[in-house]
């Protein structure tokens, strides 16, 4: 069992434990709120490029909302880069704020690949920002990743705009577009996806989207494809 599956199962266990259990004095055993999710996806893409050689993978997430705006979060997924790495973990500290229908986030994310050779220096960190506004008929979200790859600051950035249109309380349509500015004169990349998410109350969410990308240098790793993802949240 790889680390991604273990994290996913841990997310479920911790989230169940985080249901309103209170001490004798009536105070929560843990400040704030602890939530989690476990997913099975037919592929895992980032920036339009597969991270799993187009294979299915398990993913897990745990989020601790401290109640002060500060969130501590971890995410794990299986990966396949054709080397010794089999798991990606994201360790995140994030501040979330809101003013009416406007929301914003600022985060520091560390991407860790357990088992990766230190000499290859695959691990890296990212500064992340996000802003969103709910117009009622649609929610628009814009985010930006500024990565430090291979241990040094590089002139790269990844921008994403996401539009979510609620159709019913259980179904919404989603359209995303991304633009990756690559360093050292490399060709920039545009990616996109369109689809929908169905919420099946008390069971799971079903996400079905078609993904596209113009990263022809990546060969079949950037092939357009339909991806199915099932998520159980706790």
Protein backbone atom coordinates (compact mmCIF):
# COMPACT_ATOMS: atom_id res chain seq x y z
CA UNK A 1 0.00 0.00 0.00
CA UNK A 2 1.62 3.30 -1.04
CA UNK A 3 1.65 6.48 1.04
CA UNK A 4 -1.16 8.11 -0.96
CA UNK A 5 -3.57 5.32 -0.04
CA UNK A 6 -2.44 5.45 3.60
CA UNK A 7 -3.01 9.20 3.72
CA UNK A 8 -6.45 8.77 2.21
CA UNK A 9 -7.43 6.17 4.77
CA UNK A 10 -5.97 8.31 7.54
CA UNK A 11 -8.04 11.24 6.28
CA UNK A 12 -11.20 9.21 6.65
CA UNK A 13 -10.27 7.99 10.12
CA UNK A 14 -9.23 11.42 11.40
CA UNK A 15 -12.29 13.11 9.96
CA UNK A 16 -14.58 10.64 11.69
CA UNK A 17 -12.68 11.30 14.90
CA UNK A 18 -13.16 15.02 14.37
CA UNK A 19 -16.96 14.82 14.60
CA UNK A 20 -18.26 16.84 17.55
CA UNK A 21 -16.53 14.97 20.38
CA UNK A 22 -16.43 17.18 23.48
CA UNK A 23 -14.65 16.97 26.79
CA UNK A 24 -16.43 17.03 30.12
CA UNK A 25 -16.12 20.82 30.34
CA UNK A 26 -18.00 21.18 27.03
CA UNK A 27 -14.96 22.37 25.01
CA UNK A 28 -13.99 20.69 21.72
CA UNK A 29 -11.10 18.27 22.03
CA UNK A 30 -9.49 20.10 19.09
CA UNK A 31 -9.96 23.80 18.33
CA UNK A 32 -11.54 24.63 14.99
CA UNK A 33 -12.64 21.93 12.56
CA UNK A 34 -10.95 18.91 11.04
CA UNK A 35 -12.17 17.57 7.68
CA UNK A 36 -10.89 15.10 5.14
CA UNK A 37 -11.58 13.34 1.87
CA UNK A 38 -10.58 10.24 -0.05
CA UNK A 39 -10.68 10.03 -3.86
CA UNK A 40 -10.15 7.58 -6.69
CA UNK A 41 -9.26 9.24 -10.01
CA UNK A 42 -8.75 7.70 -13.45
CA UNK A 43 -5.74 10.02 -13.94
CA UNK A 44 -3.93 12.82 -12.10
CA UNK A 45 -3.05 15.90 -14.17
CA UNK A 46 -1.25 19.08 -13.21
CA UNK A 47 -0.90 21.83 -15.79
CA UNK A 48 -2.47 19.51 -18.35
CA UNK A 49 0.29 16.89 -18.01
CA UNK A 50 -0.29 13.49 -16.42
CA UNK A 51 1.55 12.75 -13.19
CA UNK A 52 0.66 9.03 -13.30
CA UNK A 53 1.43 7.97 -16.91
CA UNK A 54 -2.37 8.15 -17.46
CA UNK A 55 -3.04 5.52 -14.80
CA UNK A 56 -5.66 5.61 -12.04
CA UNK A 57 -4.59 6.61 -8.54
CA UNK A 58 -5.81 7.13 -4.98
CA UNK A 59 -5.69 10.54 -3.31
CA UNK A 60 -6.30 11.79 0.21
CA UNK A 61 -6.68 15.14 1.92
CA UNK A 62 -6.78 16.34 5.54
CA UNK A 63 -7.58 19.96 6.44
CA UNK A 64 -7.47 21.53 9.89
CA UNK A 65 -9.30 24.84 10.04
CA UNK A 66 -8.03 26.40 13.27
CA UNK A 67 -10.93 28.88 13.36
CA UNK A 68 -8.56 31.85 13.08
CA UNK A 69 -8.32 31.88 9.28
CA UNK A 70 -5.24 29.66 9.37
CA UNK A 71 -5.53 26.23 7.75
CA UNK A 72 -3.00 23.41 7.99
CA UNK A 73 -3.49 20.91 5.22
CA UNK A 74 -1.91 17.83 3.70
CA UNK A 75 -2.66 16.18 0.35
CA UNK A 76 -1.24 12.96 -1.06
CA UNK A 77 -1.53 11.24 -4.42
CA UNK A 78 0.09 8.34 -6.17
CA UNK A 79 2.41 9.39 -9.03
CA UNK A 80 4.45 7.69 -11.73
CA UNK A 81 7.33 9.60 -13.31
CA UNK A 82 9.21 6.52 -14.44
CA UNK A 83 11.65 6.71 -11.51
CA UNK A 84 11.71 5.81 -7.82
CA UNK A 85 8.98 8.27 -6.85
CA UNK A 86 5.55 6.73 -6.23
CA UNK A 87 3.91 9.37 -4.03
CA UNK A 88 3.46 13.13 -4.03
CA UNK A 89 2.67 14.88 -0.76
CA UNK A 90 1.74 18.54 -0.36
CA UNK A 91 2.20 20.10 3.07
CA UNK A 92 0.43 23.43 3.26
CA UNK A 93 -0.05 26.38 5.58
CA UNK A 94 -2.80 28.67 4.30
CA UNK A 95 -4.61 31.79 5.45
CA UNK A 96 -8.22 32.18 4.29
CA UNK A 97 -10.23 35.38 4.55
CA UNK A 98 -13.56 36.70 3.28
CA UNK A 99 -15.44 39.95 2.87
CA UNK A 100 -19.01 39.32 1.82
CA UNK A 101 -18.97 37.27 -1.38
CA UNK A 102 -15.26 37.91 -1.93
CA UNK A 103 -12.78 35.31 -0.60
CA UNK A 104 -9.00 35.20 -0.66
CA UNK A 105 -6.18 32.84 0.28
CA UNK A 106 -2.42 32.99 0.64
CA UNK A 107 -0.42 29.81 1.18
CA UNK A 108 2.99 28.23 1.40
CA UNK A 109 3.01 24.70 -0.07
CA UNK A 110 5.85 22.19 0.14
CA UNK A 111 5.82 19.43 -2.50
CA UNK A 112 7.52 16.34 -1.07
CA UNK A 113 8.25 13.09 -2.91
CA UNK A 114 9.06 10.44 -0.28
CA UNK A 115 11.62 7.95 -1.52
CA UNK A 116 13.01 10.35 -4.12
CA UNK A 117 16.78 10.48 -4.38
CA UNK A 118 18.17 13.54 -2.58
CA UNK A 119 20.75 13.97 -5.32
CA UNK A 120 17.95 14.69 -7.78
CA UNK A 121 16.43 17.33 -5.52
CA UNK A 122 12.84 16.77 -6.70
CA UNK A 123 11.18 18.39 -3.68
CA UNK A 124 10.23 22.05 -4.00
CA UNK A 125 8.04 24.76 -2.47
CA UNK A 126 5.40 27.05 -3.91
CA UNK A 127 3.88 30.38 -2.92
CA UNK A 128 0.17 30.28 -3.73
CA UNK A 129 -2.46 33.03 -3.89
CA UNK A 130 -6.15 32.87 -4.69
CA UNK A 131 -9.11 35.23 -5.03
CA UNK A 132 -12.75 34.30 -5.65
CA UNK A 133 -16.08 36.06 -6.00
CA UNK A 134 -19.55 34.51 -6.01
CA UNK A 135 -21.80 36.31 -8.49
CA UNK A 136 -24.72 34.01 -7.75
CA UNK A 137 -25.09 32.72 -11.31
CA UNK A 138 -21.40 31.74 -11.25
CA UNK A 139 -18.42 31.64 -8.94
CA UNK A 140 -15.14 32.82 -10.48
CA UNK A 141 -11.85 31.85 -8.92
CA UNK A 142 -8.37 32.99 -9.97
CA UNK A 143 -5.22 31.52 -8.47
CA UNK A 144 -1.47 31.69 -9.02
CA UNK A 145 1.42 29.35 -8.19
CA UNK A 146 4.96 30.72 -7.92
CA UNK A 147 7.31 27.71 -7.61
CA UNK A 148 10.88 27.30 -6.43
CA UNK A 149 11.93 24.28 -8.47
CA UNK A 150 15.09 22.23 -7.86
CA UNK A 151 16.25 24.42 -4.99
CA UNK A 152 16.42 27.79 -6.72
CA UNK A 153 14.05 30.59 -7.68
CA UNK A 154 13.09 30.33 -11.32
CA UNK A 155 11.20 32.73 -13.50
CA UNK A 156 8.07 30.62 -13.74
CA UNK A 157 4.44 30.94 -12.68
CA UNK A 158 1.19 29.06 -13.20
CA UNK A 159 -2.11 30.98 -13.40
CA UNK A 160 -5.53 29.33 -13.28
CA UNK A 161 -9.02 30.74 -13.72
CA UNK A 162 -11.97 28.56 -12.71
CA UNK A 163 -15.66 29.17 -13.36
CA UNK A 164 -18.33 27.16 -11.53
CA UNK A 165 -21.98 27.53 -12.59
CA UNK A 166 -24.55 25.93 -10.26
CA UNK A 167 -27.37 24.27 -12.19
CA UNK A 168 -29.08 22.50 -9.28
CA UNK A 169 -28.10 22.11 -5.61
CA UNK A 170 -26.54 18.77 -6.59
CA UNK A 171 -24.97 19.62 -9.96
CA UNK A 172 -22.71 22.33 -11.31
CA UNK A 173 -20.82 22.95 -14.54
CA UNK A 174 -17.11 23.78 -14.34
CA UNK A 175 -14.72 25.35 -16.84
CA UNK A 176 -11.03 25.89 -16.00
CA UNK A 177 -8.19 27.48 -17.94
CA UNK A 178 -4.51 27.53 -17.00
CA UNK A 179 -1.39 29.27 -18.32
CA UNK A 180 2.08 28.10 -17.27
CA UNK A 181 4.96 30.55 -17.83
CA UNK A 182 8.06 28.37 -18.12
CA UNK A 183 11.62 29.59 -17.42
CA UNK A 184 14.74 29.86 -19.55
CA UNK A 185 12.95 30.59 -22.81
CA UNK A 186 10.98 27.33 -22.79
CA UNK A 187 7.60 27.26 -24.52
CA UNK A 188 4.74 28.38 -22.28
CA UNK A 189 1.82 26.00 -21.83
CA UNK A 190 -1.95 26.50 -21.96
CA UNK A 191 -4.30 23.90 -20.48
CA UNK A 192 -8.05 23.70 -19.94
CA UNK A 193 -10.84 21.42 -18.81
CA UNK A 194 -14.62 21.42 -18.95
CA UNK A 195 -17.17 19.20 -17.24
CA UNK A 196 -19.40 18.89 -14.21
CA UNK A 197 -19.67 17.68 -10.64
CA UNK A 198 -22.59 15.73 -9.23
CA UNK A 199 -23.14 15.59 -5.47
CA UNK A 200 -24.85 12.41 -4.30
CA UNK A 201 -25.93 13.29 -0.73
CA UNK A 202 -24.49 11.08 2.03
CA UNK A 203 -22.47 9.12 -0.52
CA UNK A 204 -19.90 10.82 -2.75
CA UNK A 205 -19.16 13.47 -5.38
CA UNK A 206 -18.69 12.42 -9.01
CA UNK A 207 -16.47 14.69 -11.10
CA UNK A 208 -16.38 14.15 -14.87
CA UNK A 209 -14.22 16.44 -17.04
CA UNK A 210 -12.48 16.57 -20.39
CA UNK A 211 -8.91 17.92 -20.24
CA UNK A 212 -6.78 19.48 -22.95
CA UNK A 213 -3.27 20.91 -23.20
CA UNK A 214 -0.89 22.30 -25.87
CA UNK A 215 2.33 20.94 -24.31
CA UNK A 216 3.37 19.01 -27.42
CA UNK A 217 6.94 18.69 -26.07
CA UNK A 218 5.53 16.27 -23.47
CA UNK A 219 4.30 13.82 -26.11
CA UNK A 220 1.46 11.54 -25.04
CA UNK A 221 1.84 12.73 -21.43
CA UNK A 222 -0.21 15.77 -22.49
CA UNK A 223 -2.86 13.89 -24.48
CA UNK A 224 -6.41 15.21 -24.25
CA UNK A 225 -8.66 12.90 -22.26
CA UNK A 226 -11.76 12.36 -20.15
CA UNK A 227 -11.07 11.93 -16.44
CA UNK A 228 -13.45 10.53 -13.83
CA UNK A 229 -12.95 11.21 -10.13
CA UNK A 230 -15.03 9.95 -7.19
CA UNK A 231 -14.59 11.70 -3.84
CA UNK A 232 -15.92 10.82 -0.41
CA UNK A 233 -15.69 13.73 2.05
CA UNK A 234 -15.99 13.52 5.84
